[in-house]
Amino acid sequence: MRHLWQSRRAGGVPLQLDFLNEMLEAERAGAKALVVYMDDFPRNGEAWKMLRQIQADEAHNCALIGKLLEKAGTPYSHATGKFYDKAVAVKGPKARVEYLIRGLKWAVKKFEAELPRLDKEAQDLFIRMRDSHLRSIAACEKLAKTL
């Protein structure tokens, strides 16, 4: 992980590690919020299944980011990002799905902005995560039109 050691901010934490922990917290927040959002829909209905798949993707992303941090020998954050509290405060299925779309789009922007600064392994992971998020956005936009 060549980039981990190229740039350091005050306190000596490599910038890539800051980014990885920030994204880990954000993905964790998304995964936890989706569990709450799923309760707005009949269990095993089409909308519920779609949200459950997105939730599984978010949880899987947490594991993958955690592995990158472990490989770097860095403890990973156990915190949940601010998105969670904001997301669960939103009321109503349509408003929640629209808020989820905004959160997914925010993550895509963060991924794309950081890609040039990441090492190859992290780039590959965040490209896959970006693509997954784009598919999730499309699915949520389709769902939002029906609510």
N, C-alpha and C. Protein backbone atom coordinates (compact mmCIF):
# COMPACT_ATOMS: atom_id res chain seq x y z
N MET A 1 0.84 -1.17 0.00
CA MET A 1 0.00 0.00 0.00
C MET A 1 0.89 1.23 0.00
N ARG A 2 1.44 1.51 -1.15
CA ARG A 2 2.45 2.55 -1.28
C ARG A 2 1.99 3.92 -0.81
N HIS A 3 0.74 4.30 -1.10
CA HIS A 3 0.28 5.64 -0.79
C HIS A 3 0.10 5.88 0.70
N LEU A 4 -0.06 4.85 1.45
CA LEU A 4 -0.32 5.02 2.87
C LEU A 4 0.74 5.87 3.55
N TRP A 5 1.93 5.81 3.06
CA TRP A 5 3.02 6.47 3.77
C TRP A 5 3.52 7.71 3.04
N GLN A 6 2.91 8.10 1.92
CA GLN A 6 3.39 9.25 1.17
C GLN A 6 3.00 10.59 1.79
N SER A 7 1.80 10.69 2.27
CA SER A 7 1.31 11.96 2.80
C SER A 7 0.82 11.74 4.22
N ARG A 8 1.21 12.62 5.08
CA ARG A 8 0.74 12.54 6.47
C ARG A 8 0.22 13.92 6.88
N ARG A 9 -0.82 13.89 7.65
CA ARG A 9 -1.34 15.14 8.21
C ARG A 9 -0.82 15.26 9.63
N ALA A 10 -1.17 16.33 10.29
CA ALA A 10 -0.76 16.51 11.68
C ALA A 10 -1.23 15.31 12.49
N GLY A 11 -0.39 14.80 13.31
CA GLY A 11 -0.73 13.64 14.12
C GLY A 11 -0.17 12.36 13.53
N GLY A 12 0.34 12.43 12.33
CA GLY A 12 1.03 11.29 11.74
C GLY A 12 0.14 10.22 11.15
N VAL A 13 -1.17 10.45 10.99
CA VAL A 13 -2.03 9.43 10.40
C VAL A 13 -2.01 9.60 8.89
N PRO A 14 -1.62 8.57 8.16
CA PRO A 14 -1.61 8.69 6.71
C PRO A 14 -3.00 9.03 6.17
N LEU A 15 -3.03 9.89 5.16
CA LEU A 15 -4.30 10.36 4.62
C LEU A 15 -5.18 9.23 4.10
N GLN A 16 -4.58 8.23 3.44
CA GLN A 16 -5.41 7.14 2.93
C GLN A 16 -6.11 6.41 4.07
N LEU A 17 -5.44 6.27 5.18
CA LEU A 17 -6.06 5.59 6.32
C LEU A 17 -7.22 6.40 6.88
N ASP A 18 -7.08 7.73 6.90
CA ASP A 18 -8.20 8.58 7.31
C ASP A 18 -9.39 8.35 6.40
N PHE A 19 -9.14 8.33 5.10
CA PHE A 19 -10.21 8.12 4.13
C PHE A 19 -10.86 6.75 4.34
N LEU A 20 -10.05 5.72 4.51
CA LEU A 20 -10.60 4.38 4.69
C LEU A 20 -11.48 4.31 5.93
N ASN A 21 -11.03 4.89 7.03
CA ASN A 21 -11.84 4.87 8.25
C ASN A 21 -13.11 5.71 8.10
N GLU A 22 -13.02 6.84 7.42
CA GLU A 22 -14.21 7.66 7.17
C GLU A 22 -15.24 6.88 6.35
N MET A 23 -14.76 6.19 5.32
CA MET A 23 -15.68 5.43 4.47
C MET A 23 -16.21 4.19 5.19
N LEU A 24 -15.40 3.59 6.05
CA LEU A 24 -15.88 2.47 6.86
C LEU A 24 -17.03 2.93 7.75
N GLU A 25 -16.88 4.06 8.40
CA GLU A 25 -17.93 4.60 9.26
C GLU A 25 -19.19 4.93 8.46
N ALA A 26 -19.01 5.48 7.25
CA ALA A 26 -20.14 5.83 6.40
C ALA A 26 -20.88 4.58 5.91
N GLU A 27 -20.13 3.56 5.50
CA GLU A 27 -20.76 2.32 5.04
C GLU A 27 -21.48 1.63 6.19
N ARG A 28 -20.90 1.66 7.38
CA ARG A 28 -21.55 1.08 8.55
C ARG A 28 -22.85 1.82 8.84
N ALA A 29 -22.83 3.15 8.74
CA ALA A 29 -24.04 3.94 8.96
C ALA A 29 -25.12 3.56 7.95
N GLY A 30 -24.72 3.40 6.70
CA GLY A 30 -25.68 3.01 5.67
C GLY A 30 -26.27 1.64 5.94
N ALA A 31 -25.43 0.69 6.30
CA ALA A 31 -25.91 -0.67 6.56
C ALA A 31 -26.89 -0.68 7.73
N LYS A 32 -26.58 0.07 8.78
CA LYS A 32 -27.46 0.09 9.96
C LYS A 32 -28.77 0.83 9.65
N ALA A 33 -28.70 1.92 8.91
CA ALA A 33 -29.91 2.67 8.55
C ALA A 33 -30.82 1.83 7.66
N LEU A 34 -30.23 1.06 6.79
CA LEU A 34 -31.05 0.23 5.89
C LEU A 34 -31.85 -0.81 6.66
N VAL A 35 -31.32 -1.32 7.74
CA VAL A 35 -32.08 -2.27 8.57
C VAL A 35 -33.35 -1.59 9.08
N VAL A 36 -33.24 -0.34 9.48
CA VAL A 36 -34.40 0.43 9.95
C VAL A 36 -35.35 0.68 8.77
N TYR A 37 -34.82 1.10 7.65
CA TYR A 37 -35.64 1.42 6.47
C TYR A 37 -36.42 0.20 5.98
N MET A 38 -35.83 -0.97 6.09
CA MET A 38 -36.49 -2.18 5.61
C MET A 38 -37.82 -2.42 6.33
N ASP A 39 -37.94 -1.95 7.57
CA ASP A 39 -39.18 -2.12 8.34
C ASP A 39 -40.35 -1.34 7.74
N ASP A 40 -40.07 -0.41 6.82
CA ASP A 40 -41.14 0.36 6.18
C ASP A 40 -41.86 -0.45 5.09
N PHE A 41 -41.34 -1.63 4.78
CA PHE A 41 -41.86 -2.41 3.67
C PHE A 41 -42.19 -3.82 4.12
N PRO A 42 -43.18 -4.46 3.47
CA PRO A 42 -43.51 -5.84 3.83
C PRO A 42 -42.31 -6.76 3.66
N ARG A 43 -42.05 -7.55 4.69
CA ARG A 43 -40.91 -8.47 4.66
C ARG A 43 -41.03 -9.40 3.46
N ASN A 44 -39.91 -9.53 2.75
CA ASN A 44 -39.78 -10.36 1.55
C ASN A 44 -40.55 -9.83 0.33
N GLY A 45 -41.12 -8.62 0.43
CA GLY A 45 -41.69 -7.96 -0.74
C GLY A 45 -40.55 -7.47 -1.63
N GLU A 46 -40.87 -7.03 -2.83
CA GLU A 46 -39.83 -6.60 -3.78
C GLU A 46 -38.98 -5.45 -3.23
N ALA A 47 -39.62 -4.43 -2.67
CA ALA A 47 -38.86 -3.29 -2.13
C ALA A 47 -37.97 -3.74 -0.97
N TRP A 48 -38.51 -4.57 -0.09
CA TRP A 48 -37.74 -5.06 1.05
C TRP A 48 -36.53 -5.85 0.57
N LYS A 49 -36.71 -6.72 -0.41
CA LYS A 49 -35.60 -7.53 -0.94
C LYS A 49 -34.53 -6.64 -1.56
N MET A 50 -34.95 -5.61 -2.28
CA MET A 50 -33.99 -4.70 -2.89
C MET A 50 -33.18 -3.96 -1.82
N LEU A 51 -33.87 -3.45 -0.81
CA LEU A 51 -33.16 -2.77 0.27
C LEU A 51 -32.27 -3.74 1.04
N ARG A 52 -32.72 -4.97 1.21
CA ARG A 52 -31.90 -5.97 1.90
C ARG A 52 -30.63 -6.26 1.14
N GLN A 53 -30.69 -6.28 -0.19
CA GLN A 53 -29.48 -6.49 -1.00
C GLN A 53 -28.51 -5.31 -0.86
N ILE A 54 -29.06 -4.11 -0.87
CA ILE A 54 -28.20 -2.93 -0.68
C ILE A 54 -27.57 -2.98 0.70
N GLN A 55 -28.35 -3.37 1.70
CA GLN A 55 -27.83 -3.47 3.06
C GLN A 55 -26.70 -4.50 3.13
N ALA A 56 -26.88 -5.62 2.46
CA ALA A 56 -25.84 -6.65 2.44
C ALA A 56 -24.58 -6.13 1.75
N ASP A 57 -24.75 -5.37 0.68
CA ASP A 57 -23.60 -4.78 -0.01
C ASP A 57 -22.86 -3.82 0.91
N GLU A 58 -23.61 -2.98 1.63
CA GLU A 58 -22.98 -2.02 2.54
C GLU A 58 -22.20 -2.74 3.64
N ALA A 59 -22.81 -3.77 4.20
CA ALA A 59 -22.14 -4.53 5.26
C ALA A 59 -20.88 -5.21 4.71
N HIS A 60 -20.97 -5.76 3.51
CA HIS A 60 -19.81 -6.41 2.87
C HIS A 60 -18.70 -5.39 2.64
N ASN A 61 -19.08 -4.18 2.23
CA ASN A 61 -18.09 -3.12 2.03
C ASN A 61 -17.35 -2.82 3.32
N CYS A 62 -18.06 -2.84 4.44
CA CYS A 62 -17.40 -2.62 5.73
C CYS A 62 -16.30 -3.65 5.95
N ALA A 63 -16.61 -4.90 5.67
CA ALA A 63 -15.62 -5.96 5.86
C ALA A 63 -14.41 -5.76 4.94
N LEU A 64 -14.66 -5.38 3.70
CA LEU A 64 -13.56 -5.20 2.75
C LEU A 64 -12.67 -4.02 3.14
N ILE A 65 -13.27 -2.93 3.58
CA ILE A 65 -12.48 -1.77 4.02
C ILE A 65 -11.71 -2.14 5.28
N GLY A 66 -12.34 -2.85 6.19
CA GLY A 66 -11.66 -3.30 7.41
C GLY A 66 -10.45 -4.14 7.09
N LYS A 67 -10.54 -5.00 6.08
CA LYS A 67 -9.40 -5.83 5.68
C LYS A 67 -8.25 -4.98 5.15
N LEU A 68 -8.57 -3.93 4.40
CA LEU A 68 -7.50 -3.03 3.93
C LEU A 68 -6.79 -2.38 5.11
N LEU A 69 -7.56 -1.94 6.09
CA LEU A 69 -6.96 -1.32 7.27
C LEU A 69 -6.13 -2.32 8.06
N GLU A 70 -6.65 -3.53 8.23
CA GLU A 70 -5.89 -4.56 8.94
C GLU A 70 -4.59 -4.88 8.21
N LYS A 71 -4.65 -4.96 6.90
CA LYS A 71 -3.45 -5.25 6.10
C LYS A 71 -2.39 -4.16 6.30
N ALA A 72 -2.85 -2.94 6.50
CA ALA A 72 -1.93 -1.82 6.73
C ALA A 72 -1.43 -1.79 8.17
N GLY A 73 -1.96 -2.69 9.02
CA GLY A 73 -1.54 -2.73 10.41
C GLY A 73 -2.14 -1.61 11.23
N THR A 74 -3.28 -1.11 10.78
CA THR A 74 -3.93 0.01 11.44
C THR A 74 -5.24 -0.42 12.06
N PRO A 75 -5.47 -0.06 13.29
CA PRO A 75 -6.78 -0.37 13.88
C PRO A 75 -7.88 0.36 13.11
N TYR A 76 -8.99 -0.33 12.91
CA TYR A 76 -10.07 0.35 12.19
C TYR A 76 -11.08 0.89 13.17
N SER A 77 -11.77 1.93 12.72
CA SER A 77 -12.78 2.59 13.54
C SER A 77 -13.96 1.67 13.78
N HIS A 78 -14.50 1.76 14.98
CA HIS A 78 -15.72 1.03 15.32
C HIS A 78 -16.92 1.98 15.38
N ALA A 79 -16.69 3.23 15.00
CA ALA A 79 -17.74 4.24 15.06
C ALA A 79 -18.71 4.08 13.89
N THR A 80 -19.89 4.63 14.08
CA THR A 80 -20.89 4.68 13.02
C THR A 80 -20.97 6.13 12.54
N GLY A 81 -20.95 6.32 11.24
CA GLY A 81 -20.97 7.66 10.67
C GLY A 81 -22.22 8.46 11.02
N LYS A 82 -22.14 9.77 10.84
CA LYS A 82 -23.23 10.68 11.16
C LYS A 82 -24.48 10.43 10.32
N PHE A 83 -24.32 9.80 9.17
CA PHE A 83 -25.45 9.51 8.28
C PHE A 83 -26.53 8.73 9.02
N TYR A 84 -26.15 7.83 9.91
CA TYR A 84 -27.13 6.97 10.57
C TYR A 84 -28.19 7.78 11.32
N ASP A 85 -27.76 8.67 12.21
CA ASP A 85 -28.73 9.44 13.00
C ASP A 85 -29.61 10.30 12.11
N LYS A 86 -29.01 10.90 11.10
CA LYS A 86 -29.79 11.73 10.18
C LYS A 86 -30.77 10.87 9.39
N ALA A 87 -30.32 9.70 8.95
CA ALA A 87 -31.16 8.83 8.13
C ALA A 87 -32.36 8.31 8.90
N VAL A 88 -32.17 7.88 10.14
CA VAL A 88 -33.29 7.32 10.88
C VAL A 88 -34.26 8.41 11.35
N ALA A 89 -33.82 9.66 11.36
CA ALA A 89 -34.71 10.77 11.72
C ALA A 89 -35.69 11.07 10.58
N VAL A 90 -35.37 10.68 9.36
CA VAL A 90 -36.25 10.90 8.22
C VAL A 90 -37.45 9.98 8.37
N LYS A 91 -38.64 10.52 8.10
CA LYS A 91 -39.87 9.74 8.27
C LYS A 91 -40.55 9.52 6.93
N GLY A 92 -41.10 8.35 6.77
CA GLY A 92 -41.86 8.00 5.58
C GLY A 92 -41.01 7.26 4.56
N PRO A 93 -41.55 6.22 3.96
CA PRO A 93 -40.78 5.39 3.03
C PRO A 93 -40.16 6.17 1.85
N LYS A 94 -40.96 7.03 1.21
CA LYS A 94 -40.44 7.76 0.05
C LYS A 94 -39.30 8.70 0.47
N ALA A 95 -39.51 9.46 1.53
CA ALA A 95 -38.48 10.39 2.01
C ALA A 95 -37.21 9.63 2.40
N ARG A 96 -37.38 8.47 3.00
CA ARG A 96 -36.22 7.68 3.40
C ARG A 96 -35.45 7.16 2.19
N VAL A 97 -36.15 6.68 1.19
CA VAL A 97 -35.47 6.18 -0.01
C VAL A 97 -34.76 7.34 -0.71
N GLU A 98 -35.38 8.50 -0.76
CA GLU A 98 -34.74 9.67 -1.36
C GLU A 98 -33.51 10.08 -0.57
N TYR A 99 -33.57 9.99 0.74
CA TYR A 99 -32.40 10.31 1.57
C TYR A 99 -31.29 9.29 1.35
N LEU A 100 -31.66 8.04 1.21
CA LEU A 100 -30.68 7.00 0.91
C LEU A 100 -29.98 7.29 -0.41
N ILE A 101 -30.74 7.70 -1.41
CA ILE A 101 -30.15 8.05 -2.71
C ILE A 101 -29.12 9.15 -2.53
N ARG A 102 -29.46 10.19 -1.78
CA ARG A 102 -28.50 11.28 -1.54
C ARG A 102 -27.23 10.77 -0.86
N GLY A 103 -27.40 9.87 0.11
CA GLY A 103 -26.24 9.32 0.80
C GLY A 103 -25.36 8.49 -0.12
N LEU A 104 -25.98 7.68 -0.96
CA LEU A 104 -25.22 6.86 -1.92
C LEU A 104 -24.48 7.75 -2.91
N LYS A 105 -25.14 8.81 -3.37
CA LYS A 105 -24.48 9.74 -4.31
C LYS A 105 -23.31 10.45 -3.64
N TRP A 106 -23.47 10.82 -2.36
CA TRP A 106 -22.37 11.44 -1.62
C TRP A 106 -21.17 10.49 -1.59
N ALA A 107 -21.44 9.22 -1.30
CA ALA A 107 -20.35 8.24 -1.24
C ALA A 107 -19.66 8.10 -2.59
N VAL A 108 -20.42 8.04 -3.66
CA VAL A 108 -19.84 7.92 -5.01
C VAL A 108 -18.90 9.10 -5.28
N LYS A 109 -19.32 10.31 -4.91
CA LYS A 109 -18.48 11.50 -5.11
C LYS A 109 -17.19 11.39 -4.30
N LYS A 110 -17.31 10.92 -3.06
CA LYS A 110 -16.12 10.76 -2.21
C LYS A 110 -15.17 9.73 -2.82
N PHE A 111 -15.72 8.59 -3.28
CA PHE A 111 -14.89 7.55 -3.89
C PHE A 111 -14.15 8.11 -5.09
N GLU A 112 -14.89 8.77 -5.98
CA GLU A 112 -14.29 9.27 -7.22
C GLU A 112 -13.23 10.33 -6.96
N ALA A 113 -13.46 11.18 -5.96
CA ALA A 113 -12.47 12.21 -5.64
C ALA A 113 -11.18 11.61 -5.10
N GLU A 114 -11.28 10.52 -4.38
CA GLU A 114 -10.11 9.93 -3.74
C GLU A 114 -9.37 8.93 -4.63
N LEU A 115 -10.04 8.37 -5.63
CA LEU A 115 -9.43 7.32 -6.46
C LEU A 115 -8.01 7.62 -6.92
N PRO A 116 -7.72 8.82 -7.45
CA PRO A 116 -6.36 9.06 -7.95
C PRO A 116 -5.28 8.99 -6.87
N ARG A 117 -5.66 9.15 -5.62
CA ARG A 117 -4.69 9.16 -4.52
C ARG A 117 -4.53 7.80 -3.86
N LEU A 118 -5.37 6.85 -4.22
CA LEU A 118 -5.32 5.53 -3.59
C LEU A 118 -4.32 4.61 -4.28
N ASP A 119 -3.80 3.65 -3.52
CA ASP A 119 -2.96 2.63 -4.14
C ASP A 119 -3.84 1.70 -4.96
N LYS A 120 -3.25 0.85 -5.75
CA LYS A 120 -3.96 0.00 -6.71
C LYS A 120 -5.01 -0.88 -6.02
N GLU A 121 -4.66 -1.52 -4.94
CA GLU A 121 -5.60 -2.40 -4.25
C GLU A 121 -6.83 -1.64 -3.77
N ALA A 122 -6.61 -0.47 -3.15
CA ALA A 122 -7.72 0.34 -2.68
C ALA A 122 -8.51 0.91 -3.85
N GLN A 123 -7.83 1.30 -4.92
CA GLN A 123 -8.54 1.77 -6.12
C GLN A 123 -9.49 0.71 -6.64
N ASP A 124 -9.00 -0.50 -6.78
CA ASP A 124 -9.83 -1.59 -7.29
C ASP A 124 -11.06 -1.79 -6.41
N LEU A 125 -10.88 -1.77 -5.10
CA LEU A 125 -12.00 -1.93 -4.18
C LEU A 125 -13.01 -0.79 -4.34
N PHE A 126 -12.52 0.44 -4.37
CA PHE A 126 -13.45 1.57 -4.42
C PHE A 126 -14.10 1.74 -5.79
N ILE A 127 -13.48 1.25 -6.83
CA ILE A 127 -14.15 1.21 -8.13
C ILE A 127 -15.32 0.22 -8.07
N ARG A 128 -15.10 -0.94 -7.48
CA ARG A 128 -16.19 -1.91 -7.34
C ARG A 128 -17.30 -1.36 -6.44
N MET A 129 -16.92 -0.69 -5.37
CA MET A 129 -17.91 -0.10 -4.48
C MET A 129 -18.69 1.01 -5.18
N ARG A 130 -17.99 1.83 -5.95
CA ARG A 130 -18.67 2.89 -6.71
C ARG A 130 -19.70 2.27 -7.65
N ASP A 131 -19.30 1.26 -8.38
CA ASP A 131 -20.21 0.61 -9.33
C ASP A 131 -21.42 0.01 -8.61
N SER A 132 -21.19 -0.60 -7.47
CA SER A 132 -22.27 -1.15 -6.66
C SER A 132 -23.21 -0.05 -6.20
N HIS A 133 -22.64 1.07 -5.76
CA HIS A 133 -23.46 2.19 -5.31
C HIS A 133 -24.28 2.76 -6.47
N LEU A 134 -23.70 2.83 -7.65
CA LEU A 134 -24.44 3.33 -8.81
C LEU A 134 -25.63 2.42 -9.13
N ARG A 135 -25.43 1.12 -9.02
CA ARG A 135 -26.55 0.19 -9.23
C ARG A 135 -27.61 0.39 -8.13
N SER A 136 -27.18 0.60 -6.91
CA SER A 136 -28.10 0.84 -5.80
C SER A 136 -28.89 2.13 -6.01
N ILE A 137 -28.22 3.16 -6.49
CA ILE A 137 -28.90 4.43 -6.76
C ILE A 137 -29.99 4.22 -7.81
N ALA A 138 -29.66 3.53 -8.88
CA ALA A 138 -30.64 3.28 -9.94
C ALA A 138 -31.84 2.50 -9.40
N ALA A 139 -31.59 1.48 -8.58
CA ALA A 139 -32.68 0.69 -8.01
C ALA A 139 -33.54 1.54 -7.08
N CYS A 140 -32.91 2.38 -6.27
CA CYS A 140 -33.66 3.23 -5.35
C CYS A 140 -34.45 4.30 -6.09
N GLU A 141 -33.89 4.85 -7.15
CA GLU A 141 -34.62 5.85 -7.93
C GLU A 141 -35.86 5.21 -8.55
N LYS A 142 -35.73 3.99 -9.03
CA LYS A 142 -36.89 3.27 -9.58
C LYS A 142 -37.94 3.05 -8.50
N LEU A 143 -37.49 2.62 -7.30
CA LEU A 143 -38.42 2.40 -6.20
C LEU A 143 -39.10 3.70 -5.79
N ALA A 144 -38.35 4.78 -5.69
CA ALA A 144 -38.91 6.06 -5.25
C ALA A 144 -40.06 6.51 -6.16
N LYS A 145 -39.97 6.21 -7.43
CA LYS A 145 -41.03 6.60 -8.38
C LYS A 145 -42.33 5.86 -8.10
N THR A 146 -42.26 4.73 -7.42
CA THR A 146 -43.46 3.96 -7.14
C THR A 146 -44.09 4.31 -5.79
N LEU A 147 -43.40 5.10 -5.00
CA LEU A 147 -43.89 5.41 -3.64
C LEU A 147 -44.71 6.71 -3.61
